[in-house]
């Protein structure tokens, strides 16, 4: 797994207090709390999310690819 991460030049994001604070400030457009954690991290880190889940697009300002 470590080699695959290196080969793909992926960055692992630790879950921080800042992510948790953002999570609790999100509207409940998505019923899955894990997905809302991903959304919160994307907002904090200012990165896009790649997903086919249409509920992600309900979050204004979130860059969703797919």
N, C-alpha and C. Protein backbone atom coordinates (compact mmCIF):
# COMPACT_ATOMS: atom_id res chain seq x y z
N UNK A 1 0.81 -1.17 0.00
CA UNK A 1 0.00 0.00 0.00
C UNK A 1 0.87 1.26 0.00
N UNK A 2 1.91 1.25 0.80
CA UNK A 2 2.79 2.42 0.87
C UNK A 2 3.41 2.71 -0.50
N UNK A 3 3.77 1.67 -1.23
CA UNK A 3 4.35 1.86 -2.55
C UNK A 3 3.33 2.45 -3.51
N UNK A 4 2.10 1.97 -3.44
CA UNK A 4 1.04 2.50 -4.29
C UNK A 4 0.77 3.98 -4.02
N UNK A 5 0.80 4.35 -2.75
CA UNK A 5 0.62 5.75 -2.36
C UNK A 5 1.75 6.60 -2.94
N UNK A 6 2.96 6.09 -2.84
CA UNK A 6 4.12 6.81 -3.39
C UNK A 6 4.04 6.90 -4.91
N UNK A 7 3.70 5.79 -5.56
CA UNK A 7 3.62 5.76 -7.02
C UNK A 7 2.58 6.75 -7.56
N UNK A 8 1.47 6.85 -6.85
CA UNK A 8 0.39 7.74 -7.29
C UNK A 8 0.55 9.16 -6.77
N UNK A 9 1.58 9.38 -5.98
CA UNK A 9 1.88 10.69 -5.40
C UNK A 9 0.68 11.23 -4.62
N UNK A 10 0.08 10.34 -3.82
CA UNK A 10 -1.07 10.71 -3.00
C UNK A 10 -0.61 11.37 -1.71
N UNK A 11 -1.47 12.21 -1.18
CA UNK A 11 -1.20 12.83 0.12
C UNK A 11 -2.26 12.34 1.09
N UNK A 12 -1.83 11.71 2.17
CA UNK A 12 -2.77 11.24 3.19
C UNK A 12 -3.11 12.40 4.11
N UNK A 13 -4.40 12.59 4.36
CA UNK A 13 -4.83 13.67 5.22
C UNK A 13 -5.18 13.14 6.60
N UNK A 14 -4.47 13.58 7.62
CA UNK A 14 -4.88 13.21 8.97
C UNK A 14 -6.15 13.99 9.31
N UNK A 15 -6.96 13.45 10.17
CA UNK A 15 -8.19 14.13 10.59
C UNK A 15 -7.84 15.03 11.77
N UNK A 16 -8.07 16.32 11.61
CA UNK A 16 -7.65 17.29 12.63
C UNK A 16 -8.85 17.92 13.33
N UNK A 17 -8.56 18.65 14.37
CA UNK A 17 -9.61 19.38 15.08
C UNK A 17 -10.27 20.39 14.14
N UNK A 18 -9.50 21.01 13.27
CA UNK A 18 -10.06 21.97 12.32
C UNK A 18 -11.07 21.29 11.40
N UNK A 19 -10.79 20.05 11.00
CA UNK A 19 -11.73 19.29 10.18
C UNK A 19 -13.01 19.01 10.98
N UNK A 20 -12.86 18.65 12.23
CA UNK A 20 -14.02 18.36 13.08
C UNK A 20 -14.88 19.61 13.28
N UNK A 21 -14.25 20.75 13.50
CA UNK A 21 -15.01 21.99 13.66
C UNK A 21 -15.79 22.30 12.38
N UNK A 22 -15.17 22.09 11.23
CA UNK A 22 -15.85 22.32 9.95
C UNK A 22 -17.01 21.34 9.78
N UNK A 23 -16.80 20.09 10.20
CA UNK A 23 -17.83 19.06 10.11
C UNK A 23 -19.10 19.50 10.84
N UNK A 24 -18.92 20.00 12.06
CA UNK A 24 -20.08 20.39 12.86
C UNK A 24 -20.74 21.67 12.36
N UNK A 25 -20.06 22.40 11.49
CA UNK A 25 -20.64 23.60 10.91
C UNK A 25 -21.34 23.36 9.59
N UNK A 26 -21.28 22.14 9.08
CA UNK A 26 -21.89 21.83 7.79
C UNK A 26 -23.40 21.63 7.92
N UNK A 27 -24.15 22.02 6.89
CA UNK A 27 -25.57 21.65 6.86
C UNK A 27 -25.67 20.13 6.64
N UNK A 28 -26.78 19.57 7.02
CA UNK A 28 -26.96 18.10 6.95
C UNK A 28 -27.54 17.65 5.60
N UNK A 29 -26.98 18.14 4.50
CA UNK A 29 -27.47 17.74 3.19
C UNK A 29 -27.22 16.25 2.93
N UNK A 30 -26.15 15.73 3.49
CA UNK A 30 -25.79 14.33 3.26
C UNK A 30 -26.05 13.54 4.53
N UNK A 31 -26.74 12.40 4.42
CA UNK A 31 -27.08 11.63 5.62
C UNK A 31 -25.91 10.83 6.22
N UNK A 32 -24.86 10.62 5.45
CA UNK A 32 -23.74 9.79 5.91
C UNK A 32 -22.68 10.66 6.60
N UNK A 33 -22.44 10.45 7.89
CA UNK A 33 -21.46 11.28 8.60
C UNK A 33 -20.04 11.11 8.08
N UNK A 34 -19.69 9.94 7.57
CA UNK A 34 -18.35 9.75 7.01
C UNK A 34 -18.17 10.62 5.77
N UNK A 35 -19.19 10.67 4.93
CA UNK A 35 -19.12 11.52 3.74
C UNK A 35 -19.05 12.99 4.14
N UNK A 36 -19.76 13.39 5.19
CA UNK A 36 -19.67 14.77 5.66
C UNK A 36 -18.28 15.08 6.19
N UNK A 37 -17.59 14.08 6.74
CA UNK A 37 -16.19 14.29 7.17
C UNK A 37 -15.31 14.56 5.96
N UNK A 38 -15.52 13.83 4.89
CA UNK A 38 -14.76 14.05 3.65
C UNK A 38 -15.03 15.46 3.13
N UNK A 39 -16.28 15.88 3.15
CA UNK A 39 -16.65 17.22 2.70
C UNK A 39 -15.97 18.28 3.55
N UNK A 40 -16.00 18.09 4.87
CA UNK A 40 -15.36 19.05 5.77
C UNK A 40 -13.86 19.14 5.49
N UNK A 41 -13.20 18.01 5.31
CA UNK A 41 -11.77 18.03 4.99
C UNK A 41 -11.51 18.75 3.68
N UNK A 42 -12.34 18.52 2.69
CA UNK A 42 -12.16 19.16 1.39
C UNK A 42 -12.28 20.68 1.52
N UNK A 43 -13.25 21.14 2.30
CA UNK A 43 -13.39 22.58 2.52
C UNK A 43 -12.16 23.15 3.22
N UNK A 44 -11.73 22.51 4.29
CA UNK A 44 -10.59 23.02 5.06
C UNK A 44 -9.32 23.02 4.22
N UNK A 45 -9.08 21.94 3.50
CA UNK A 45 -7.85 21.79 2.71
C UNK A 45 -7.95 22.47 1.35
N UNK A 46 -9.13 22.94 1.01
CA UNK A 46 -9.38 23.60 -0.28
C UNK A 46 -8.99 22.70 -1.45
N UNK A 47 -9.53 21.48 -1.40
CA UNK A 47 -9.28 20.49 -2.45
C UNK A 47 -10.60 19.97 -3.01
N UNK A 48 -10.55 19.43 -4.19
CA UNK A 48 -11.74 18.86 -4.83
C UNK A 48 -12.01 17.46 -4.29
N UNK A 49 -13.27 17.04 -4.45
CA UNK A 49 -13.69 15.69 -4.08
C UNK A 49 -14.11 14.99 -5.37
N UNK A 50 -13.63 13.77 -5.56
CA UNK A 50 -14.02 12.98 -6.72
C UNK A 50 -15.05 11.96 -6.24
N UNK A 51 -16.28 12.12 -6.73
CA UNK A 51 -17.36 11.23 -6.33
C UNK A 51 -18.50 11.29 -7.34
N UNK A 52 -19.26 10.22 -7.41
CA UNK A 52 -20.47 10.22 -8.24
C UNK A 52 -21.71 10.48 -7.38
N UNK A 53 -21.50 10.68 -6.09
CA UNK A 53 -22.60 10.92 -5.15
C UNK A 53 -23.15 12.33 -5.35
N UNK A 54 -24.36 12.45 -5.84
CA UNK A 54 -24.94 13.75 -6.16
C UNK A 54 -25.19 14.62 -4.92
N UNK A 55 -25.28 14.03 -3.74
CA UNK A 55 -25.51 14.81 -2.52
C UNK A 55 -24.33 15.74 -2.22
N UNK A 56 -23.14 15.40 -2.68
CA UNK A 56 -21.97 16.26 -2.46
C UNK A 56 -22.17 17.61 -3.13
N UNK A 57 -22.87 17.61 -4.25
CA UNK A 57 -23.07 18.86 -5.01
C UNK A 57 -24.02 19.82 -4.31
N UNK A 58 -24.68 19.37 -3.26
CA UNK A 58 -25.58 20.24 -2.49
C UNK A 58 -24.80 21.23 -1.61
N UNK A 59 -23.50 20.96 -1.42
CA UNK A 59 -22.67 21.82 -0.57
C UNK A 59 -22.07 22.94 -1.41
N UNK A 60 -22.63 24.12 -1.26
CA UNK A 60 -22.22 25.29 -2.04
C UNK A 60 -20.74 25.59 -1.82
N UNK A 61 -20.01 25.73 -2.92
CA UNK A 61 -18.59 26.05 -2.85
C UNK A 61 -17.68 24.84 -2.86
N UNK A 62 -18.24 23.64 -2.76
CA UNK A 62 -17.43 22.42 -2.79
C UNK A 62 -17.13 22.08 -4.24
N UNK A 63 -15.86 21.85 -4.54
CA UNK A 63 -15.44 21.48 -5.89
C UNK A 63 -15.60 19.96 -6.04
N UNK A 64 -16.62 19.54 -6.78
CA UNK A 64 -16.91 18.12 -6.98
C UNK A 64 -16.57 17.75 -8.42
N UNK A 65 -15.77 16.70 -8.55
CA UNK A 65 -15.39 16.19 -9.87
C UNK A 65 -16.10 14.87 -10.07
N UNK A 66 -16.84 14.80 -11.16
CA UNK A 66 -17.48 13.59 -11.68
C UNK A 66 -18.82 13.87 -12.15
